[in-house]
Amino acid sequence: MTRIGATPSETSCLISNLFTEIRPVCGHCEGDSVVLCGVTYEGQEETVVLRDYGFDYSGDPETVENIRKRRCIYGNKKKLPADFK
């Protein structure tokens, strides 16, 4: 697993753009951590564990960096607030 440092809003953006399909986490649970498993846009099955510094990622860290380099598909220039009104 690679440690990925990210703010909560950046973590939301990165993970939502990383996975195209979410899968059951059976066998990957980590006690009190939030764990997500799924298929990435590259077609690989990977795992993300949410942490206070961002998240741990089981795949190639370059995949996350590629997402960071893209612009927002909605054209948002500012980070969205965590609470939607």
Protein backbone atom coordinates (compact mmCIF):
# COMPACT_ATOMS: atom_id res chain seq x y z
CA MET A 1 0.00 0.00 0.00
CA THR A 2 1.18 3.49 -0.85
CA ARG A 3 0.39 6.40 1.46
CA ILE A 4 -1.37 9.21 -0.38
CA GLY A 5 -1.48 12.56 1.39
CA ALA A 6 -4.66 14.49 0.61
CA THR A 7 -7.19 16.84 2.19
CA PRO A 8 -10.70 15.42 2.74
CA SER A 9 -12.07 17.23 -0.33
CA GLU A 10 -9.16 16.07 -2.49
CA THR A 11 -9.60 12.51 -1.18
CA SER A 12 -13.28 12.63 -2.23
CA CYS A 13 -12.32 13.80 -5.71
CA LEU A 14 -9.49 11.30 -6.17
CA ILE A 15 -11.42 8.25 -5.01
CA SER A 16 -14.56 9.13 -6.96
CA ASN A 17 -12.45 9.43 -10.11
CA LEU A 18 -10.37 6.34 -9.34
CA PHE A 19 -13.07 3.67 -9.15
CA THR A 20 -15.58 2.82 -11.87
CA GLU A 21 -17.06 -0.02 -9.84
CA ILE A 22 -17.20 -0.69 -6.09
CA ARG A 23 -16.88 -4.30 -4.87
CA PRO A 24 -17.52 -5.99 -1.50
CA VAL A 25 -14.58 -5.64 0.90
CA CYS A 26 -14.74 -9.23 2.18
CA GLY A 27 -11.28 -10.25 3.36
CA HIS A 28 -9.94 -6.68 3.30
CA CYS A 29 -11.53 -5.25 6.46
CA GLU A 30 -9.15 -3.41 8.81
CA GLY A 31 -10.91 -3.09 12.16
CA ASP A 32 -12.22 0.44 12.53
CA SER A 33 -10.89 1.78 9.20
CA VAL A 34 -13.07 2.59 6.18
CA VAL A 35 -12.01 0.27 3.35
CA LEU A 36 -13.14 0.47 -0.28
CA CYS A 37 -12.45 -2.16 -2.93
CA GLY A 38 -13.26 -1.86 -6.59
CA VAL A 39 -12.23 -1.71 -10.21
CA THR A 40 -10.22 1.32 -11.28
CA TYR A 41 -10.62 3.16 -14.58
CA GLU A 42 -7.57 1.16 -15.69
CA GLY A 43 -9.49 -2.10 -15.15
CA GLN A 44 -7.49 -3.20 -12.09
CA GLU A 45 -8.99 -4.43 -8.80
CA GLU A 46 -7.55 -2.24 -6.05
CA THR A 47 -8.15 -1.29 -2.42
CA VAL A 48 -8.26 2.08 -0.63
CA VAL A 49 -8.09 2.51 3.15
CA LEU A 50 -9.14 5.96 4.41
CA ARG A 51 -6.68 7.52 6.88
CA ASP A 52 -6.40 10.82 8.73
CA TYR A 53 -3.69 11.97 6.27
CA GLY A 54 -5.62 10.91 3.17
CA PHE A 55 -5.62 7.25 2.17
CA ASP A 56 -3.55 4.16 1.45
CA TYR A 57 -3.78 2.79 -2.09
CA SER A 58 -2.91 -0.74 -3.21
CA GLY A 59 -2.30 0.15 -6.86
CA ASP A 60 0.25 2.12 -8.81
CA PRO A 61 0.63 5.58 -7.19
CA GLU A 62 1.11 7.06 -10.68
CA THR A 63 -2.59 6.38 -11.29
CA VAL A 64 -3.50 8.77 -8.45
CA GLU A 65 -1.03 11.37 -9.73
CA ASN A 66 -2.59 11.16 -13.20
CA ILE A 67 -5.99 11.95 -11.70
CA ARG A 68 -4.48 14.90 -9.79
CA LYS A 69 -3.10 16.34 -13.04
CA ARG A 70 -6.49 16.35 -14.80
CA ARG A 71 -8.83 19.29 -14.57
CA CYS A 72 -12.27 18.93 -13.07
CA ILE A 73 -14.75 17.62 -15.64
CA TYR A 74 -17.34 20.05 -14.23
CA GLY A 75 -15.02 23.02 -14.60
CA ASN A 76 -14.89 23.69 -10.85
CA LYS A 77 -11.96 25.90 -9.98
CA LYS A 78 -12.57 25.93 -6.25
CA LYS A 79 -12.90 23.01 -3.90
CA LEU A 80 -16.49 22.24 -3.03
CA PRO A 81 -17.56 22.44 0.61
CA ALA A 82 -18.10 19.10 2.32
CA ASP A 83 -21.71 20.01 3.16
CA PHE A 84 -23.94 20.42 0.14
CA LYS A 85 -26.79 22.93 0.46
